[in-house]
């Protein structure tokens, strides 16, 4: 197990490594893109990326992240990308490891004990709903990428079907078959992921609502609360204190 901490607004392009990686947001947030979709990591959460899986990380302007690398022979960790809700204890232990001198040996008994506890806890962590599935389907990849670039595009499923030269029914069936969601739910999940990215970077609720194409702030707040259980400002404030 090894660890690193970084402060920057940057995107690390698609890359891979043999070790598994936990990307933890200490401040701000980070968005990870890998096979199958996007994962958003607000403070208090981490995205797990299995070893040898190509992925990219984009950190928000105010972001500070911690990268925990896990040996590929570690057992019991997910074999797919997922966002994990980290407990305060796990966060503190990972931050403690980050303060140890670089020359600290992995054979050090104290370090080994902390690493084993962290791994045991990660195996028990709950998966959080910060994921947007982007199937390996050219039509849905096209729609997803266009919505990421222009999230204020409020075209209906009928409008999107016309753009991709499909019937509305065929597109609706394709989305459900590939994502397990209706088109409306899939687009809402994209809005949640993008909203978390913008809010974690310090954007106001009003500006996020406008960026996502909502006619009113209250409509955006209602959508966010229904999906996440709390209004956006409260949600981000609670995670900022995680």
Protein backbone atom coordinates (compact mmCIF):
# COMPACT_ATOMS: atom_id res chain seq x y z
CA UNK A 1 0.00 0.00 0.00
CA UNK A 2 1.25 3.49 -0.86
CA UNK A 3 -0.28 6.95 -0.66
CA UNK A 4 -0.02 10.43 -2.14
CA UNK A 5 -1.70 13.83 -1.67
CA UNK A 6 -2.20 16.48 -4.34
CA UNK A 7 -3.52 20.06 -4.54
CA UNK A 8 -4.44 21.22 -8.03
CA UNK A 9 -7.09 21.85 -10.62
CA UNK A 10 -6.17 19.46 -13.36
CA UNK A 11 -7.25 16.44 -15.31
CA UNK A 12 -5.02 13.41 -15.29
CA UNK A 13 -5.71 11.87 -18.70
CA UNK A 14 -6.69 8.26 -19.23
CA UNK A 15 -4.05 5.98 -17.72
CA UNK A 16 -3.68 2.65 -15.98
CA UNK A 17 -1.56 0.97 -13.31
CA UNK A 18 -1.37 -2.53 -11.88
CA UNK A 19 -2.37 -1.42 -8.38
CA UNK A 20 -5.91 -0.73 -7.29
CA UNK A 21 -6.53 2.92 -6.40
CA UNK A 22 -8.80 4.74 -3.99
CA UNK A 23 -9.22 8.39 -4.98
CA UNK A 24 -10.38 10.27 -1.87
CA UNK A 25 -11.49 13.91 -1.84
CA UNK A 26 -10.08 15.79 1.16
CA UNK A 27 -11.41 19.11 -0.13
CA UNK A 28 -13.55 20.01 -3.13
CA UNK A 29 -14.22 17.03 -5.36
CA UNK A 30 -12.90 14.85 -8.15
CA UNK A 31 -14.60 13.21 -11.10
CA UNK A 32 -13.32 9.88 -12.34
CA UNK A 33 -14.09 8.52 -15.79
CA UNK A 34 -13.57 4.84 -16.53
CA UNK A 35 -15.11 2.05 -18.54
CA UNK A 36 -18.84 2.15 -17.99
CA UNK A 37 -19.34 5.70 -16.81
CA UNK A 38 -18.54 8.67 -14.59
CA UNK A 39 -18.03 8.63 -10.83
CA UNK A 40 -18.20 11.82 -8.76
CA UNK A 41 -16.33 12.03 -5.46
CA UNK A 42 -17.38 14.79 -3.04
CA UNK A 43 -15.59 15.21 0.27
CA UNK A 44 -16.10 12.26 2.58
CA UNK A 45 -16.21 9.76 -0.27
CA UNK A 46 -13.75 7.93 -2.48
CA UNK A 47 -13.90 6.21 -5.82
CA UNK A 48 -12.37 2.75 -6.02
CA UNK A 49 -10.63 1.88 -9.31
CA UNK A 50 -9.47 -1.75 -9.69
CA UNK A 51 -5.94 -2.39 -10.90
CA UNK A 52 -5.27 -2.34 -14.66
CA UNK A 53 -8.49 -0.40 -15.40
CA UNK A 54 -7.99 2.67 -17.65
CA UNK A 55 -9.33 5.81 -15.95
CA UNK A 56 -8.93 9.58 -15.73
CA UNK A 57 -9.31 11.94 -12.77
CA UNK A 58 -10.44 15.58 -12.92
CA UNK A 59 -10.02 17.60 -9.72
CA UNK A 60 -12.10 20.71 -8.96
CA UNK A 61 -10.42 24.12 -8.68
CA UNK A 62 -10.44 24.00 -4.88
CA UNK A 63 -9.66 20.31 -4.75
CA UNK A 64 -7.26 18.39 -2.55
CA UNK A 65 -7.18 14.65 -3.11
CA UNK A 66 -5.52 11.65 -1.57
CA UNK A 67 -4.56 8.65 -3.70
CA UNK A 68 -4.30 5.32 -1.93
CA UNK A 69 -2.66 2.56 -3.98
CA UNK A 70 -3.41 -1.04 -3.05
CA UNK A 71 -1.39 -4.07 -4.12
CA UNK A 72 -3.13 -6.08 -6.86
CA UNK A 73 -3.09 -9.24 -4.74
CA UNK A 74 -5.31 -7.69 -2.03
CA UNK A 75 -8.46 -9.79 -1.65
CA UNK A 76 -12.11 -8.86 -1.16
CA UNK A 77 -12.16 -5.45 -2.85
CA UNK A 78 -14.61 -4.63 -5.68
CA UNK A 79 -13.67 -5.76 -9.19
CA UNK A 80 -15.42 -2.73 -10.71
CA UNK A 81 -15.35 1.04 -10.28
CA UNK A 82 -17.61 2.35 -7.51
CA UNK A 83 -17.93 5.32 -5.17
CA UNK A 84 -17.60 4.42 -1.50
CA UNK A 85 -19.01 6.38 1.45
CA UNK A 86 -16.01 6.52 3.77
CA UNK A 87 -16.33 6.61 7.54
CA UNK A 88 -14.51 9.34 9.53
CA UNK A 89 -12.26 6.64 11.01
CA UNK A 90 -11.10 5.46 7.58
CA UNK A 91 -10.53 9.04 6.43
CA UNK A 92 -8.44 9.81 9.52
CA UNK A 93 -6.35 6.65 9.13
CA UNK A 94 -5.64 7.36 5.46
CA UNK A 95 -4.70 10.95 6.29
CA UNK A 96 -2.43 9.65 9.04
CA UNK A 97 -0.63 7.39 6.57
CA UNK A 98 -0.16 10.40 4.29
CA UNK A 99 1.75 12.21 7.06
CA UNK A 100 4.31 9.44 7.51
CA UNK A 101 7.78 10.03 6.04
CA UNK A 102 8.30 8.69 2.54
CA UNK A 103 11.11 6.49 3.80
CA UNK A 104 8.73 4.69 6.18
CA UNK A 105 8.98 1.04 5.23
CA UNK A 106 5.94 -0.95 4.17
CA UNK A 107 7.34 -3.61 6.50
CA UNK A 108 6.92 -1.32 9.50
CA UNK A 109 4.58 -3.10 11.94
CA UNK A 110 2.65 0.07 12.81
CA UNK A 111 2.10 0.91 9.13
CA UNK A 112 1.07 -2.66 8.34
CA UNK A 113 -1.51 -2.67 11.13
CA UNK A 114 -3.09 0.58 9.90
CA UNK A 115 -3.10 -0.68 6.31
CA UNK A 116 -4.83 -3.92 7.30
CA UNK A 117 -7.53 -2.04 9.21
CA UNK A 118 -8.10 0.29 6.23
CA UNK A 119 -8.42 -2.64 3.83
CA UNK A 120 -10.82 -4.41 6.17
CA UNK A 121 -12.99 -1.31 6.43
CA UNK A 122 -12.95 -0.68 2.67
CA UNK A 123 -14.32 -4.18 2.12
CA UNK A 124 -17.33 -3.18 4.27
CA UNK A 125 -17.99 0.30 2.86
CA UNK A 126 -21.36 1.12 1.32
CA UNK A 127 -21.52 2.06 -2.35
CA UNK A 128 -22.78 5.64 -2.86
CA UNK A 129 -25.07 6.85 -5.66
CA UNK A 130 -22.57 9.12 -7.43
CA UNK A 131 -22.34 7.13 -10.65
CA UNK A 132 -23.56 7.87 -14.15
CA UNK A 133 -23.57 4.73 -16.32
CA UNK A 134 -22.26 5.40 -19.84
CA UNK A 135 -22.68 2.13 -21.75
CA UNK A 136 -20.37 0.99 -24.51
CA UNK A 137 -23.02 1.88 -27.05
CA UNK A 138 -22.28 4.52 -29.71
CA UNK A 139 -25.72 6.13 -29.55
CA UNK A 140 -25.85 6.43 -25.77
CA UNK A 141 -22.21 7.51 -25.57
CA UNK A 142 -23.01 10.27 -28.06
CA UNK A 143 -26.02 11.45 -26.05
CA UNK A 144 -24.14 11.28 -22.74
CA UNK A 145 -21.18 13.26 -24.07
CA UNK A 146 -23.43 15.92 -25.57
CA UNK A 147 -25.36 16.25 -22.30
CA UNK A 148 -22.09 16.54 -20.36
CA UNK A 149 -20.99 19.33 -22.70
CA UNK A 150 -24.39 21.06 -22.67
CA UNK A 151 -26.23 20.00 -19.49
CA UNK A 152 -28.78 22.80 -19.98
CA UNK A 153 -30.13 21.02 -23.07
CA UNK A 154 -33.67 20.12 -22.00
CA UNK A 155 -34.68 18.25 -25.15
CA UNK A 156 -37.21 15.49 -24.54
CA UNK A 157 -36.58 11.85 -25.36
CA UNK A 158 -38.56 12.43 -28.55
CA UNK A 159 -36.19 15.25 -29.46
CA UNK A 160 -33.13 13.10 -28.79
CA UNK A 161 -34.62 10.21 -30.76
CA UNK A 162 -35.00 12.50 -33.77
CA UNK A 163 -31.38 13.67 -33.41
CA UNK A 164 -30.00 10.12 -33.45
CA UNK A 165 -32.43 8.88 -36.13
CA UNK A 166 -34.31 6.44 -33.92
CA UNK A 167 -37.91 6.07 -32.90
CA UNK A 168 -38.76 7.30 -29.42
CA UNK A 169 -39.76 3.79 -28.36
CA UNK A 170 -36.51 2.26 -29.64
CA UNK A 171 -34.40 4.84 -27.81
CA UNK A 172 -36.38 4.37 -24.60
CA UNK A 173 -35.88 0.61 -24.76
CA UNK A 174 -32.17 1.01 -25.52
CA UNK A 175 -31.60 3.24 -22.48
CA UNK A 176 -33.42 0.85 -20.14
CA UNK A 177 -31.62 -2.19 -21.55
CA UNK A 178 -28.15 -0.64 -21.30
CA UNK A 179 -28.45 1.38 -18.07
CA UNK A 180 -31.34 -0.12 -16.12
CA UNK A 181 -32.89 3.36 -15.97
CA UNK A 182 -35.52 5.27 -17.89
CA UNK A 183 -34.24 8.10 -20.08
CA UNK A 184 -35.53 10.69 -17.59
CA UNK A 185 -33.87 8.95 -14.64
CA UNK A 186 -30.61 8.56 -16.57
CA UNK A 187 -30.51 12.26 -17.43
CA UNK A 188 -31.37 13.17 -13.84
CA UNK A 189 -28.45 11.05 -12.62
CA UNK A 190 -26.18 13.00 -14.97
CA UNK A 191 -27.51 16.23 -13.49
CA UNK A 192 -26.82 14.97 -9.96
CA UNK A 193 -23.23 14.03 -10.86
CA UNK A 194 -22.58 17.38 -12.56
CA UNK A 195 -24.30 19.30 -9.76
CA UNK A 196 -22.07 17.62 -7.17
CA UNK A 197 -19.00 18.48 -9.24
CA UNK A 198 -19.99 22.15 -9.52
CA UNK A 199 -21.14 22.51 -5.91
CA UNK A 200 -17.97 20.83 -4.63
CA UNK A 201 -15.98 23.39 -6.62
CA UNK A 202 -17.74 26.22 -4.77
CA UNK A 203 -20.47 27.16 -7.25
CA UNK A 204 -23.69 28.59 -5.83
CA UNK A 205 -26.96 26.68 -5.95
CA UNK A 206 -28.38 29.41 -8.18
CA UNK A 207 -25.58 29.15 -10.75
CA UNK A 208 -25.77 25.35 -10.80
CA UNK A 209 -29.52 25.45 -11.39
CA UNK A 210 -28.95 27.83 -14.31
CA UNK A 211 -26.10 25.73 -15.75
CA UNK A 212 -28.30 22.63 -15.69
CA UNK A 213 -31.13 24.39 -17.51
CA UNK A 214 -33.69 24.62 -14.71
CA UNK A 215 -36.28 27.37 -15.04
CA UNK A 216 -36.17 28.03 -11.30
CA UNK A 217 -33.84 27.37 -8.39
CA UNK A 218 -36.67 25.76 -6.45
CA UNK A 219 -37.20 23.16 -9.19
CA UNK A 220 -33.52 22.20 -9.05
CA UNK A 221 -33.54 22.08 -5.24
CA UNK A 222 -36.62 19.84 -5.27
CA UNK A 223 -35.00 17.44 -7.76
CA UNK A 224 -31.76 17.30 -5.78
CA UNK A 225 -33.51 16.76 -2.44
CA UNK A 226 -35.70 13.99 -3.86
CA UNK A 227 -32.62 12.19 -5.21
CA UNK A 228 -30.11 12.81 -2.40
CA UNK A 229 -32.31 13.24 0.66
CA UNK A 230 -31.17 16.80 1.43
CA UNK A 231 -31.22 20.20 -0.30
CA UNK A 232 -27.96 20.89 -2.19
CA UNK A 233 -26.59 23.55 0.17
CA UNK A 234 -27.20 21.35 3.21
CA UNK A 235 -25.76 18.30 1.47
CA UNK A 236 -22.51 20.05 0.56
CA UNK A 237 -22.24 21.68 4.01
CA UNK A 238 -22.60 18.29 5.71
CA UNK A 239 -19.90 16.78 3.49
CA UNK A 240 -17.62 19.77 4.02
CA UNK A 241 -17.66 18.90 7.70
CA UNK A 242 -17.04 15.20 7.10
